[in-house]
N, C-alpha and C. Protein backbone atom coordinates (compact mmCIF):
# COMPACT_ATOMS: atom_id res chain seq x y z
N MET A 1 -56.95 -37.77 -10.68
CA MET A 1 -55.78 -38.61 -10.57
C MET A 1 -55.52 -39.20 -11.95
N GLY A 2 -54.25 -39.34 -12.28
CA GLY A 2 -53.88 -39.91 -13.58
C GLY A 2 -52.78 -40.93 -13.43
N GLN A 3 -52.40 -41.51 -14.53
CA GLN A 3 -51.33 -42.50 -14.53
C GLN A 3 -50.02 -41.85 -14.95
N ALA A 4 -48.95 -42.42 -14.49
CA ALA A 4 -47.61 -41.96 -14.87
C ALA A 4 -46.71 -43.17 -15.03
N SER A 5 -45.73 -43.04 -15.88
CA SER A 5 -44.73 -44.11 -16.06
C SER A 5 -43.39 -43.60 -15.61
N ILE A 6 -42.66 -44.44 -14.91
CA ILE A 6 -41.29 -44.12 -14.50
C ILE A 6 -40.40 -45.12 -15.21
N GLY A 7 -39.48 -44.62 -15.97
CA GLY A 7 -38.59 -45.47 -16.73
C GLY A 7 -38.35 -44.87 -18.10
N ASN A 8 -37.44 -45.42 -18.83
CA ASN A 8 -37.06 -44.86 -20.12
C ASN A 8 -37.59 -45.72 -21.25
N ASN A 9 -38.88 -46.00 -21.24
CA ASN A 9 -39.41 -46.92 -22.23
C ASN A 9 -40.67 -46.38 -22.88
N PRO A 10 -40.57 -45.78 -24.04
CA PRO A 10 -41.76 -45.26 -24.71
C PRO A 10 -42.55 -46.33 -25.48
N ALA A 11 -41.99 -47.53 -25.65
CA ALA A 11 -42.65 -48.56 -26.45
C ALA A 11 -43.64 -49.34 -25.59
N GLU A 12 -44.91 -49.25 -25.90
CA GLU A 12 -45.94 -49.90 -25.09
C GLU A 12 -45.71 -51.40 -24.97
N SER A 13 -45.18 -52.03 -26.00
CA SER A 13 -44.97 -53.48 -25.96
C SER A 13 -43.93 -53.89 -24.91
N ARG A 14 -43.10 -52.93 -24.45
CA ARG A 14 -42.07 -53.26 -23.46
C ARG A 14 -42.33 -52.64 -22.10
N TRP A 15 -43.50 -52.05 -21.87
CA TRP A 15 -43.78 -51.38 -20.60
C TRP A 15 -43.59 -52.31 -19.41
N LEU A 16 -44.04 -53.53 -19.51
CA LEU A 16 -43.95 -54.45 -18.38
C LEU A 16 -42.53 -54.94 -18.14
N MET A 17 -41.65 -54.81 -19.12
CA MET A 17 -40.28 -55.29 -18.97
C MET A 17 -39.36 -54.27 -18.33
N GLU A 18 -39.54 -52.98 -18.63
CA GLU A 18 -38.57 -52.00 -18.20
C GLU A 18 -39.11 -50.91 -17.30
N ALA A 19 -40.38 -50.66 -17.32
CA ALA A 19 -40.93 -49.58 -16.51
C ALA A 19 -40.97 -49.98 -15.04
N PHE A 20 -40.86 -49.00 -14.15
CA PHE A 20 -40.95 -49.25 -12.71
C PHE A 20 -42.34 -49.75 -12.38
N SER A 21 -42.41 -50.82 -11.60
CA SER A 21 -43.71 -51.30 -11.15
C SER A 21 -43.61 -51.62 -9.67
N GLY A 22 -43.97 -50.68 -8.87
CA GLY A 22 -43.88 -50.84 -7.42
C GLY A 22 -44.63 -49.72 -6.74
N ILE A 23 -44.35 -49.52 -5.48
CA ILE A 23 -45.00 -48.48 -4.70
C ILE A 23 -43.94 -47.48 -4.27
N ILE A 24 -44.25 -46.23 -4.44
CA ILE A 24 -43.38 -45.15 -3.96
C ILE A 24 -44.10 -44.49 -2.80
N ASP A 25 -43.48 -44.47 -1.64
CA ASP A 25 -44.15 -43.88 -0.49
C ASP A 25 -43.53 -42.56 -0.05
N GLU A 26 -42.43 -42.16 -0.67
CA GLU A 26 -41.81 -40.90 -0.31
C GLU A 26 -41.00 -40.40 -1.50
N VAL A 27 -41.06 -39.11 -1.74
CA VAL A 27 -40.33 -38.51 -2.84
C VAL A 27 -39.63 -37.26 -2.33
N ALA A 28 -38.41 -37.05 -2.75
CA ALA A 28 -37.67 -35.84 -2.42
C ALA A 28 -37.07 -35.28 -3.70
N PHE A 29 -37.19 -33.98 -3.89
CA PHE A 29 -36.64 -33.32 -5.07
C PHE A 29 -35.50 -32.40 -4.64
N TYR A 30 -34.42 -32.47 -5.37
CA TYR A 30 -33.27 -31.61 -5.13
C TYR A 30 -32.92 -30.93 -6.45
N ASP A 31 -32.32 -29.76 -6.36
CA ASP A 31 -31.89 -29.08 -7.58
C ASP A 31 -30.40 -29.29 -7.83
N PHE A 32 -29.88 -30.40 -7.28
CA PHE A 32 -28.48 -30.78 -7.46
C PHE A 32 -28.36 -32.27 -7.18
N ALA A 33 -27.26 -32.86 -7.60
CA ALA A 33 -27.01 -34.27 -7.33
C ALA A 33 -26.51 -34.43 -5.90
N LEU A 34 -27.06 -35.39 -5.18
CA LEU A 34 -26.62 -35.64 -3.81
C LEU A 34 -25.31 -36.41 -3.80
N PRO A 35 -24.39 -36.05 -2.90
CA PRO A 35 -23.17 -36.85 -2.73
C PRO A 35 -23.55 -38.25 -2.24
N SER A 36 -22.74 -39.25 -2.56
CA SER A 36 -23.07 -40.63 -2.19
C SER A 36 -23.19 -40.81 -0.67
N LEU A 37 -22.41 -40.08 0.12
CA LEU A 37 -22.52 -40.19 1.57
C LEU A 37 -23.91 -39.77 2.03
N SER A 38 -24.46 -38.71 1.46
CA SER A 38 -25.81 -38.26 1.83
C SER A 38 -26.86 -39.29 1.44
N ILE A 39 -26.70 -39.90 0.28
CA ILE A 39 -27.65 -40.93 -0.16
C ILE A 39 -27.59 -42.11 0.80
N ASN A 40 -26.39 -42.54 1.18
CA ASN A 40 -26.26 -43.65 2.12
C ASN A 40 -26.85 -43.31 3.48
N GLN A 41 -26.66 -42.07 3.95
CA GLN A 41 -27.26 -41.66 5.23
C GLN A 41 -28.78 -41.68 5.14
N HIS A 42 -29.34 -41.19 4.03
CA HIS A 42 -30.79 -41.21 3.83
C HIS A 42 -31.30 -42.65 3.87
N LEU A 43 -30.61 -43.56 3.20
CA LEU A 43 -31.01 -44.96 3.16
C LEU A 43 -30.99 -45.57 4.56
N GLN A 44 -29.91 -45.34 5.31
CA GLN A 44 -29.81 -45.88 6.66
C GLN A 44 -30.93 -45.35 7.55
N ASN A 45 -31.23 -44.07 7.44
CA ASN A 45 -32.32 -43.49 8.23
C ASN A 45 -33.66 -44.11 7.84
N ALA A 46 -33.91 -44.26 6.55
CA ALA A 46 -35.17 -44.84 6.09
C ALA A 46 -35.32 -46.29 6.56
N GLN A 47 -34.22 -47.05 6.56
CA GLN A 47 -34.27 -48.44 7.02
C GLN A 47 -34.58 -48.53 8.51
N LYS A 48 -34.29 -47.47 9.26
CA LYS A 48 -34.61 -47.42 10.69
C LYS A 48 -36.02 -46.88 10.92
N GLY A 49 -36.74 -46.55 9.85
CA GLY A 49 -38.08 -46.00 9.98
C GLY A 49 -38.09 -44.51 10.27
N GLN A 50 -36.97 -43.84 10.04
CA GLN A 50 -36.86 -42.41 10.28
C GLN A 50 -36.96 -41.67 8.95
N ASN A 51 -37.15 -40.34 9.04
CA ASN A 51 -37.13 -39.59 7.79
C ASN A 51 -35.68 -39.44 7.33
N TYR A 52 -35.48 -38.83 6.18
CA TYR A 52 -34.14 -38.75 5.58
C TYR A 52 -33.11 -38.12 6.51
N PHE A 53 -33.55 -37.19 7.35
CA PHE A 53 -32.60 -36.44 8.17
C PHE A 53 -32.60 -36.88 9.62
N SER A 54 -33.24 -38.02 9.92
CA SER A 54 -33.29 -38.59 11.26
C SER A 54 -33.95 -37.64 12.25
N LEU A 55 -34.95 -36.91 11.77
CA LEU A 55 -35.70 -35.99 12.62
C LEU A 55 -37.04 -36.63 12.96
N PRO A 56 -37.66 -36.22 14.07
CA PRO A 56 -38.97 -36.76 14.41
C PRO A 56 -40.00 -36.41 13.32
N PRO A 57 -40.98 -37.29 13.07
CA PRO A 57 -42.01 -36.98 12.07
C PRO A 57 -42.72 -35.68 12.41
N SER A 58 -42.97 -34.88 11.40
CA SER A 58 -43.62 -33.58 11.62
C SER A 58 -44.17 -33.07 10.30
N ALA A 59 -45.27 -32.33 10.39
CA ALA A 59 -45.83 -31.68 9.21
C ALA A 59 -45.16 -30.33 8.97
N ASP A 60 -44.32 -29.90 9.90
CA ASP A 60 -43.62 -28.62 9.75
C ASP A 60 -42.53 -28.74 8.69
N PRO A 61 -42.21 -27.64 8.04
CA PRO A 61 -41.10 -27.67 7.07
C PRO A 61 -39.79 -28.05 7.77
N LEU A 62 -38.87 -28.63 7.01
CA LEU A 62 -37.56 -28.96 7.56
C LEU A 62 -36.84 -27.69 7.98
N PRO A 63 -36.00 -27.77 9.00
CA PRO A 63 -35.23 -26.59 9.39
C PRO A 63 -34.23 -26.22 8.28
N LYS A 64 -33.82 -24.96 8.26
CA LYS A 64 -32.87 -24.52 7.24
C LYS A 64 -31.49 -25.15 7.45
N ALA A 65 -31.14 -25.49 8.67
CA ALA A 65 -29.85 -26.12 8.97
C ALA A 65 -30.12 -27.42 9.71
N ILE A 66 -29.46 -28.48 9.27
CA ILE A 66 -29.59 -29.79 9.89
C ILE A 66 -28.31 -30.10 10.65
N LYS A 67 -28.42 -30.57 11.89
CA LYS A 67 -27.25 -30.98 12.65
C LYS A 67 -26.86 -32.39 12.24
N LEU A 68 -25.58 -32.60 12.01
CA LEU A 68 -25.08 -33.91 11.61
C LEU A 68 -24.38 -34.58 12.77
N SER A 69 -24.64 -35.86 12.95
CA SER A 69 -23.92 -36.63 13.96
C SER A 69 -22.69 -37.24 13.31
N LEU A 70 -21.55 -37.06 13.95
CA LEU A 70 -20.31 -37.62 13.43
C LEU A 70 -19.79 -38.68 14.38
N PRO A 71 -19.21 -39.74 13.82
CA PRO A 71 -18.54 -40.71 14.70
C PRO A 71 -17.38 -40.01 15.41
N MET A 72 -17.05 -40.50 16.61
CA MET A 72 -15.94 -39.91 17.35
C MET A 72 -14.65 -40.02 16.55
N HIS A 73 -13.80 -39.05 16.72
CA HIS A 73 -12.47 -39.01 16.09
C HIS A 73 -12.58 -39.09 14.56
N SER A 74 -13.49 -38.33 14.00
CA SER A 74 -13.60 -38.30 12.55
C SER A 74 -13.93 -36.88 12.12
N ALA A 75 -13.81 -36.66 10.86
CA ALA A 75 -14.15 -35.38 10.25
C ALA A 75 -14.92 -35.70 8.98
N ILE A 76 -15.52 -34.69 8.40
CA ILE A 76 -16.21 -34.88 7.12
C ILE A 76 -15.68 -33.89 6.11
N GLU A 77 -15.71 -34.30 4.87
CA GLU A 77 -15.40 -33.40 3.77
C GLU A 77 -16.74 -32.94 3.21
N LEU A 78 -16.88 -31.65 2.95
CA LEU A 78 -18.12 -31.12 2.40
C LEU A 78 -18.03 -30.98 0.90
N ASP A 79 -19.12 -31.30 0.23
CA ASP A 79 -19.20 -31.14 -1.21
C ASP A 79 -19.15 -29.65 -1.54
N LYS A 80 -18.29 -29.25 -2.46
CA LYS A 80 -18.10 -27.83 -2.77
C LYS A 80 -19.34 -27.20 -3.38
N LEU A 81 -20.12 -27.96 -4.12
CA LEU A 81 -21.30 -27.42 -4.78
C LEU A 81 -22.49 -27.31 -3.84
N THR A 82 -22.74 -28.36 -3.05
CA THR A 82 -23.96 -28.41 -2.24
C THR A 82 -23.77 -28.07 -0.77
N GLY A 83 -22.54 -28.19 -0.27
CA GLY A 83 -22.30 -28.00 1.16
C GLY A 83 -22.68 -29.20 1.99
N LEU A 84 -23.10 -30.29 1.35
CA LEU A 84 -23.47 -31.51 2.05
C LEU A 84 -22.24 -32.38 2.29
N PRO A 85 -22.28 -33.24 3.30
CA PRO A 85 -21.15 -34.14 3.55
C PRO A 85 -20.91 -35.05 2.35
N SER A 86 -19.66 -35.15 1.93
CA SER A 86 -19.36 -36.03 0.80
C SER A 86 -18.57 -37.26 1.21
N GLN A 87 -17.81 -37.18 2.34
CA GLN A 87 -17.12 -38.38 2.82
C GLN A 87 -16.66 -38.17 4.25
N HIS A 88 -16.59 -39.31 5.00
CA HIS A 88 -16.00 -39.30 6.34
C HIS A 88 -14.49 -39.42 6.20
N ILE A 89 -13.77 -38.70 7.03
CA ILE A 89 -12.31 -38.76 7.04
C ILE A 89 -11.88 -39.21 8.43
N PRO A 90 -11.41 -40.47 8.57
CA PRO A 90 -10.97 -40.93 9.89
C PRO A 90 -9.79 -40.09 10.37
N GLN A 91 -9.74 -39.82 11.66
CA GLN A 91 -8.66 -39.01 12.24
C GLN A 91 -7.69 -39.88 12.99
């Protein structure tokens, strides 16, 4: 096990001022930027104690397709690059 720094501070004298100092209990890596709607959905799920996709806890890999719950009488716009929801569109 080793140490790592998170933050943009190479100066040791400022490590305590700018570097992240907390606990990280979950990490997700993407090869693209997430649309803000997806980030907000992930946050809401995490605040409810659920995983990012509101699926039951499991050691199995995530499914290739995730079902999205939509509010009644609404639609979503999909991000052209990622295919993820980018915004709700009230109907």
